Amino acid sequence: MARRKSAAQAVVEQVDGGLAELQPDPDRPRAWTLLVDGAPQSHVDLDDPAHLDFAYQRRLGHVIDLIAPPGKPLRVVHLGGGAFTLARYVAGTRPRSSQQIVERDGPLVQLVRRELPLDPGARIRVRSTDAREGLAKIPEGWADLVIADVFSAARTPAHLTSTEFLADVRRVLRPGGHYAANLADGPPLAHLRGQIATAAAVFPRLALAADPAVLRGKRFGNAVLLASETELPLAELTRRIASDPHPGRVEHGRALADFTGGATAVRDEAAIASPAPPPGVFG
């Protein structure tokens, strides 16, 4: 499908994952929202890469802020690229960071690079390959942080939900490194509970941040899972997330174990994709 621009300067283009749209933000002169088949994927402000508009991206931004002293460069792996929002955030808030983005959708990468170009001085490498295949090529102990935000047709692919996948994430992390994942689920939250159990089989320290209505199983939404072998910045993370424009709650320890409700870890042979969003959820 040919690229076209409307009078409002929206950009619409067919990519491997569906119909991609870049919609201008009416309130920010150089900000854009990326949608794929109508599902919001990313929001980017080219004038202010530290601005994170989506609630789940703000929560991941807090993680990026808190896992190391302010301004310290990090080595970050992004599984799933979208519009490279979080890579831009890291580059803007932690100059001299080294980052790798693994995004399977090559035409989407080309669209974003063309319409929302990266800072040429940022140390960001983009690989157009499957997330798990790209992860396997990263050296052991290279990363301070691995962020998983991978969706195909608004669902996390099955092969990115297993203990085997998370074992490779842990291989890539340096000692004391962190893993953060954007998960999506709705009632009865079976997928989310299974993902917590899966992470608990690989990492000893976990926390989960989400809208209280999502945690209560009242509606479909996003949850950010944070995992590490070391202590997590729970007090400040909880404070920041509670103070966000869309306040969230952080569960950890016994409360998170109780929330998991006896769910068991997922292995490759039993893995399934996350549930599809219900009709109208992005309306």
Foldseek 3Di string as FASTA:
>chain_A
DDWDQDPQRKIWDAWPQAIWIWHDDPVADQKTWIDHPLHTDAIARLVCLLDGDDLVVVLVLVQLPPLDPWQAAWEEEEEADQLVSVVLNSCVGHPPHAYEYEAQTPVRVVVSCVSPNDDPRGNYHYHNNHSQVVLVPAAFQAGLEYEYEDDRLRKAAQQCQALVSVQSVNRNHHASHKYKYKHKAAPPCLSVLQSVQSLVVPFVWKKKKDAVCRLVRNFIDIMMMMGHNDDGPPPVSQVVQCPDPRHIGMDTDPRSVVSSPPHHGHHSVRTGIHDRHDPPPSD
